[in-house]
Amino acid sequence: MAGEAIGGWALAAVLLFWGVGAYNRLVRLRAEIVRRFGAVDARWRERHALLLQLADALAALLASAQPRVEVLRTACAQGEAARLHASRHPGAPGAIASLGLADEILAEARARLPLPARAGTDLPTLDAQLGQADTAFAFARSEFNAAVAAYNVAVAEQPTIWLARLVGFRPAGLL
């Protein structure tokens, strides 16, 4: 009888220590998602500022591009709203999906802009800075997605899935 009691207590202790370790791992992985989203957020804001500068420069140079510039400004405003929502909920699939969709809309609006190469303007410089900002954003996005993938694997693996469901850990969304 005493051996069974000791075995039961040992099993309970092992399960308790495993549960605490698994919970701490999930918390650490979720915190990594939030940390990685900070870089995405910063790169998005940098690129957003450059896009608004580009829109202002094009509006001043080309009157014929005014409708396309307004489309870009509208896409920037929608993207900023999506970024704010995603920054409040960095792992929420819906918030991240809306940010990804806003990024696609922004890319389409940018693709339709004329980029005249005029001497004496800052358009070539802005275009180069936007290229660098795009690269930095793509890198931050891939780091965020890697953190989300690691978290999602941890949430879905057995037997951690039961603990994750019990305490409210849900899969996060990829950007």
Protein backbone atom coordinates (compact mmCIF):
# COMPACT_ATOMS: atom_id res chain seq x y z
CA MET A 1 0.00 0.00 0.00
CA ALA A 2 2.80 2.42 0.87
CA GLY A 3 4.56 1.60 -2.42
CA GLU A 4 1.40 2.40 -4.39
CA ALA A 5 1.02 5.72 -2.59
CA ILE A 6 4.64 6.66 -3.26
CA GLY A 7 4.21 5.67 -6.92
CA GLY A 8 1.03 7.77 -7.16
CA TRP A 9 2.76 10.79 -5.61
CA ALA A 10 5.75 10.35 -7.90
CA LEU A 11 3.48 10.21 -10.94
CA ALA A 12 1.60 13.32 -9.77
CA ALA A 13 4.91 15.16 -9.24
CA VAL A 14 6.16 14.20 -12.71
CA LEU A 15 2.89 15.36 -14.30
CA LEU A 16 2.99 18.61 -12.32
CA PHE A 17 6.57 19.37 -13.33
CA TRP A 18 5.84 18.48 -16.94
CA GLY A 19 2.75 20.74 -16.92
CA VAL A 20 4.68 23.68 -15.49
CA GLY A 21 7.49 23.19 -18.01
CA ALA A 22 5.10 22.87 -20.96
CA TYR A 23 3.15 25.95 -19.84
CA ASN A 24 6.34 27.98 -19.46
CA ARG A 25 7.46 26.90 -22.93
CA LEU A 26 4.17 28.03 -24.47
CA VAL A 27 4.38 31.37 -22.65
CA ARG A 28 7.97 31.85 -23.87
CA LEU A 29 7.02 31.02 -27.47
CA ARG A 30 4.04 33.39 -27.36
CA ALA A 31 6.27 36.15 -25.98
CA GLU A 32 8.66 35.51 -28.88
CA ILE A 33 5.79 36.11 -31.31
CA VAL A 34 5.08 39.45 -29.65
CA ARG A 35 8.78 40.37 -29.73
CA ARG A 36 9.13 39.43 -33.40
CA PHE A 37 6.01 41.39 -34.26
CA GLY A 38 7.68 44.48 -32.81
CA ALA A 39 10.23 44.33 -35.65
CA VAL A 40 7.44 43.84 -38.22
CA ASP A 41 5.62 46.83 -36.76
CA ALA A 42 8.71 49.05 -36.88
CA ARG A 43 9.56 48.08 -40.47
CA TRP A 44 5.93 48.62 -41.51
CA ARG A 45 5.93 52.14 -40.02
CA GLU A 46 9.21 53.01 -41.79
CA ARG A 47 7.87 51.79 -45.11
CA HIS A 48 4.57 53.57 -44.52
CA ALA A 49 6.34 56.91 -44.00
CA LEU A 50 8.35 56.39 -47.20
CA LEU A 51 5.21 55.53 -49.17
CA LEU A 52 3.52 58.72 -47.99
CA GLN A 53 6.61 60.70 -49.04
CA LEU A 54 6.46 59.00 -52.44
CA ALA A 55 2.78 59.84 -52.78
CA ASP A 56 3.46 63.49 -51.95
CA ALA A 57 6.37 63.66 -54.41
CA LEU A 58 4.36 62.08 -57.22
CA ALA A 59 1.35 64.29 -56.57
CA ALA A 60 3.56 67.35 -56.85
CA LEU A 61 5.19 66.17 -60.08
CA LEU A 62 2.41 64.51 -62.04
CA ALA A 63 -1.13 65.82 -62.11
CA SER A 64 -2.15 62.83 -64.24
CA ALA A 65 -1.12 60.43 -61.47
CA GLN A 66 -3.44 62.01 -58.91
CA PRO A 67 -6.08 59.21 -58.93
CA ARG A 68 -3.40 56.54 -58.48
CA VAL A 69 -1.76 58.54 -55.71
CA GLU A 70 -5.11 58.78 -53.91
CA VAL A 71 -5.51 55.00 -54.21
CA LEU A 72 -2.07 54.63 -52.63
CA ARG A 73 -2.99 57.01 -49.81
CA THR A 74 -6.23 55.11 -49.17
CA ALA A 75 -4.32 51.81 -49.14
CA CYS A 76 -1.82 53.35 -46.71
CA ALA A 77 -4.66 54.41 -44.40
CA GLN A 78 -6.20 50.94 -44.52
CA GLY A 79 -2.80 49.38 -43.91
CA GLU A 80 -2.20 51.63 -40.92
CA ALA A 81 -5.57 50.62 -39.42
CA ALA A 82 -4.69 46.94 -39.94
CA ARG A 83 -1.24 47.49 -38.40
CA LEU A 84 -2.74 49.12 -35.32
CA HIS A 85 -5.18 46.25 -34.87
CA ALA A 86 -2.44 43.65 -35.35
CA SER A 87 -0.13 45.45 -32.92
CA ARG A 88 -2.80 45.12 -30.23
CA HIS A 89 -3.22 41.39 -31.03
CA PRO A 90 0.08 40.18 -32.55
CA GLY A 91 -0.79 36.49 -32.59
CA ALA A 92 -4.48 36.66 -33.44
CA PRO A 93 -5.09 34.97 -36.79
CA GLY A 94 -7.74 37.48 -37.88
CA ALA A 95 -5.63 40.53 -37.08
CA ILE A 96 -2.59 39.09 -38.82
CA ALA A 97 -4.66 38.03 -41.83
CA SER A 98 -6.05 41.56 -42.20
CA LEU A 99 -2.50 42.95 -42.04
CA GLY A 100 -1.38 40.52 -44.74
CA LEU A 101 -4.34 41.51 -46.91
CA ALA A 102 -3.58 45.20 -46.36
CA ASP A 103 0.01 44.54 -47.43
CA GLU A 104 -1.21 42.89 -50.65
CA ILE A 105 -3.53 45.83 -51.41
CA LEU A 106 -0.69 48.24 -50.73
CA ALA A 107 1.61 46.31 -53.08
CA GLU A 108 -1.02 46.46 -55.86
CA ALA A 109 -1.49 50.21 -55.36
CA ARG A 110 2.28 50.71 -55.50
CA ALA A 111 2.61 48.66 -58.64
CA ARG A 112 0.19 50.96 -60.46
CA LEU A 113 2.15 54.11 -59.68
CA PRO A 114 4.23 55.72 -62.39
CA LEU A 115 7.83 56.29 -61.35
CA PRO A 116 9.28 58.94 -63.61
CA ALA A 117 13.02 59.42 -63.34
CA ARG A 118 13.36 63.15 -63.17
CA ALA A 119 16.60 64.91 -62.50
CA GLY A 120 16.56 67.20 -59.53
CA THR A 121 13.89 65.22 -57.68
CA ASP A 122 14.23 62.81 -54.81
CA LEU A 123 12.21 60.05 -56.56
CA PRO A 124 15.21 57.79 -57.31
CA THR A 125 16.36 58.14 -53.71
CA LEU A 126 12.87 57.39 -52.39
CA ASP A 127 12.63 54.38 -54.68
CA ALA A 128 15.95 53.03 -53.38
CA GLN A 129 14.90 53.62 -49.78
CA LEU A 130 11.61 51.84 -50.44
CA GLY A 131 13.53 48.88 -51.84
CA GLN A 132 15.60 48.70 -48.66
CA ALA A 133 12.47 49.07 -46.53
CA ASP A 134 10.79 46.26 -48.47
CA THR A 135 13.76 44.00 -47.86
CA ALA A 136 13.84 44.82 -44.14
CA PHE A 137 10.09 44.23 -43.88
CA ALA A 138 10.35 40.89 -45.68
CA PHE A 139 13.09 39.78 -43.29
CA ALA A 140 11.10 40.85 -40.20
CA ARG A 141 8.05 39.11 -41.64
CA SER A 142 9.96 35.85 -42.14
CA GLU A 143 11.32 36.00 -38.58
CA PHE A 144 7.79 36.58 -37.26
CA ASN A 145 6.46 33.68 -39.32
CA ALA A 146 9.23 31.41 -37.99
CA ALA A 147 8.27 32.31 -34.41
CA VAL A 148 4.59 31.67 -35.19
CA ALA A 149 5.43 28.31 -36.78
CA ALA A 150 7.43 27.22 -33.71
CA TYR A 151 4.58 28.27 -31.42
CA ASN A 152 1.96 26.53 -33.57
CA VAL A 153 3.97 23.30 -33.56
CA ALA A 154 4.25 23.45 -29.76
CA VAL A 155 0.51 24.11 -29.37
CA ALA A 156 -0.41 21.22 -31.68
CA GLU A 157 1.95 18.51 -30.44
CA GLN A 158 0.85 15.71 -28.15
CA PRO A 159 0.38 15.82 -25.17
CA THR A 160 0.87 19.61 -24.95
CA ILE A 161 -2.26 20.14 -27.03
CA TRP A 162 -4.40 19.17 -24.02
CA LEU A 163 -2.68 21.64 -21.74
CA ALA A 164 -2.82 24.35 -24.42
CA ARG A 165 -6.57 23.89 -24.85
CA LEU A 166 -7.09 23.82 -21.10
CA VAL A 167 -5.35 27.14 -20.45
CA GLY A 168 -6.42 28.93 -23.66
CA PHE A 169 -3.42 28.79 -26.00
CA ARG A 170 -4.64 28.86 -29.59
CA PRO A 171 -2.71 28.65 -32.85
CA ALA A 172 -1.41 31.99 -34.11
CA GLY A 173 -1.72 33.40 -37.62
CA LEU A 174 1.05 33.67 -40.18
CA LEU A 175 1.71 36.97 -41.89
